[in-house]
């Protein structure tokens, strides 16, 4: 199994476990996250790139993978995503470089997966 597929499975299981709670706070936070990335004054597509840049600056590889997957699904192309990641690198500095490497590996997998599904 590819590491990205492992991430998907782990994320799904983790989300299910996190939501198996009576905590209204946990449930509302998950709901707020979903709402924040929905349509609004900014479209969903733009918000995913904002999430990607923020995740890279905060150095969260799981978050980076999530936003990359959404960005590819929403039809951002490689050059557009690369440009957004360049902004993250500029804002975050050299400490973001390992996360840029991670993102590029994930992005390669996602675009290959998309191409295979389309053929």
Protein backbone atom coordinates (compact mmCIF):
# COMPACT_ATOMS: atom_id res chain seq x y z
CA UNK A 1 0.00 0.00 0.00
CA UNK A 2 1.31 3.46 -0.91
CA UNK A 3 1.98 5.79 2.06
CA UNK A 4 -0.75 8.14 0.83
CA UNK A 5 -3.28 5.31 0.88
CA UNK A 6 -2.15 4.49 4.42
CA UNK A 7 -2.71 8.14 5.33
CA UNK A 8 -6.26 8.01 3.94
CA UNK A 9 -7.10 4.86 5.90
CA UNK A 10 -5.53 6.19 9.11
CA UNK A 11 -7.32 9.54 8.74
CA UNK A 12 -10.69 7.89 8.17
CA UNK A 13 -10.27 5.58 11.17
CA UNK A 14 -9.02 8.45 13.31
CA UNK A 15 -11.92 10.68 12.37
CA UNK A 16 -14.40 7.92 13.14
CA UNK A 17 -12.76 7.37 16.54
CA UNK A 18 -12.68 11.09 17.29
CA UNK A 19 -16.37 11.46 16.44
CA UNK A 20 -17.33 8.45 18.57
CA UNK A 21 -17.91 10.75 21.51
CA UNK A 22 -20.62 12.52 23.44
CA UNK A 23 -18.50 15.68 23.45
CA UNK A 24 -20.43 18.44 21.75
CA UNK A 25 -17.20 20.45 21.59
CA UNK A 26 -15.44 17.81 19.46
CA UNK A 27 -18.45 17.40 17.18
CA UNK A 28 -18.87 21.14 16.74
CA UNK A 29 -15.19 21.67 15.96
CA UNK A 30 -15.36 19.02 13.23
CA UNK A 31 -18.51 20.70 11.91
CA UNK A 32 -16.90 24.12 12.00
CA UNK A 33 -13.96 22.82 9.98
CA UNK A 34 -16.34 21.46 7.36
CA UNK A 35 -18.24 24.76 7.26
CA UNK A 36 -15.05 26.84 6.99
CA UNK A 37 -14.03 25.05 3.79
CA UNK A 38 -17.47 25.29 2.18
CA UNK A 39 -18.66 27.92 -0.29
CA UNK A 40 -18.78 31.49 0.97
CA UNK A 41 -17.35 34.84 -0.04
CA UNK A 42 -14.36 32.72 -1.09
CA UNK A 43 -15.01 29.59 -3.08
CA UNK A 44 -14.10 26.10 -1.86
CA UNK A 45 -11.34 25.83 -4.39
CA UNK A 46 -9.54 28.95 -3.12
CA UNK A 47 -9.99 27.91 0.50
CA UNK A 48 -8.20 24.62 -0.15
CA UNK A 49 -5.10 26.47 -1.33
CA UNK A 50 -5.31 28.69 1.75
CA UNK A 51 -5.52 25.54 3.87
CA UNK A 52 -2.56 24.05 2.04
CA UNK A 53 -0.37 27.11 2.55
CA UNK A 54 -1.35 27.35 6.22
CA UNK A 55 -0.68 23.65 6.76
CA UNK A 56 2.76 23.91 5.19
CA UNK A 57 3.70 26.90 7.32
CA UNK A 58 2.42 25.08 10.42
CA UNK A 59 4.38 21.99 9.27
CA UNK A 60 1.53 19.46 9.49
CA UNK A 61 2.08 16.72 6.88
CA UNK A 62 -1.31 15.11 7.53
CA UNK A 63 -2.95 18.48 6.95
CA UNK A 64 -0.84 19.04 3.83
CA UNK A 65 -1.95 15.68 2.42
CA UNK A 66 -5.60 16.39 3.14
CA UNK A 67 -5.51 19.78 1.41
CA UNK A 68 -3.50 18.46 -1.53
CA UNK A 69 -6.07 15.73 -2.11
CA UNK A 70 -8.89 18.26 -2.00
CA UNK A 71 -7.00 20.67 -4.28
CA UNK A 72 -6.47 17.96 -6.91
CA UNK A 73 -10.15 16.93 -6.67
CA UNK A 74 -11.15 20.57 -7.16
CA UNK A 75 -9.06 20.73 -10.37
CA UNK A 76 -6.14 22.89 -9.31
CA UNK A 77 -3.30 22.07 -11.68
CA UNK A 78 0.29 21.29 -10.79
CA UNK A 79 1.60 24.79 -11.58
CA UNK A 80 -1.08 26.47 -9.46
CA UNK A 81 -0.42 24.17 -6.50
CA UNK A 82 3.35 24.62 -6.89
CA UNK A 83 2.90 28.39 -6.81
CA UNK A 84 0.84 28.18 -3.62
CA UNK A 85 3.51 25.97 -2.06
CA UNK A 86 6.10 28.57 -3.07
CA UNK A 87 4.17 31.16 -1.07
CA UNK A 88 4.21 28.79 1.91
CA UNK A 89 7.96 28.37 1.55
CA UNK A 90 8.47 32.13 1.40
CA UNK A 91 6.27 32.78 4.43
CA UNK A 92 7.50 29.83 6.49
CA UNK A 93 11.16 29.90 5.56
CA UNK A 94 13.62 27.07 5.12
CA UNK A 95 12.06 25.02 7.91
CA UNK A 96 9.20 24.31 5.47
CA UNK A 97 11.53 22.60 2.95
CA UNK A 98 11.07 19.06 4.40
CA UNK A 99 7.30 19.57 4.20
CA UNK A 100 7.63 20.80 0.63
CA UNK A 101 9.47 17.56 -0.19
CA UNK A 102 6.67 15.58 1.46
CA UNK A 103 4.04 17.57 -0.44
CA UNK A 104 5.74 16.98 -3.78
CA UNK A 105 5.80 13.20 -3.18
CA UNK A 106 2.13 13.24 -2.24
CA UNK A 107 1.24 15.43 -5.19
CA UNK A 108 2.99 13.06 -7.59
CA UNK A 109 0.94 10.17 -6.21
CA UNK A 110 -2.31 12.14 -6.47
CA UNK A 111 -1.76 13.26 -10.06
CA UNK A 112 -0.71 9.73 -11.09
CA UNK A 113 -3.81 8.33 -9.39
CA UNK A 114 -6.00 10.90 -11.14
CA UNK A 115 -4.44 10.12 -14.55
CA UNK A 116 -4.99 6.38 -14.03
CA UNK A 117 -8.63 6.95 -13.08
CA UNK A 118 -9.19 9.08 -16.19
CA UNK A 119 -7.72 6.55 -18.60
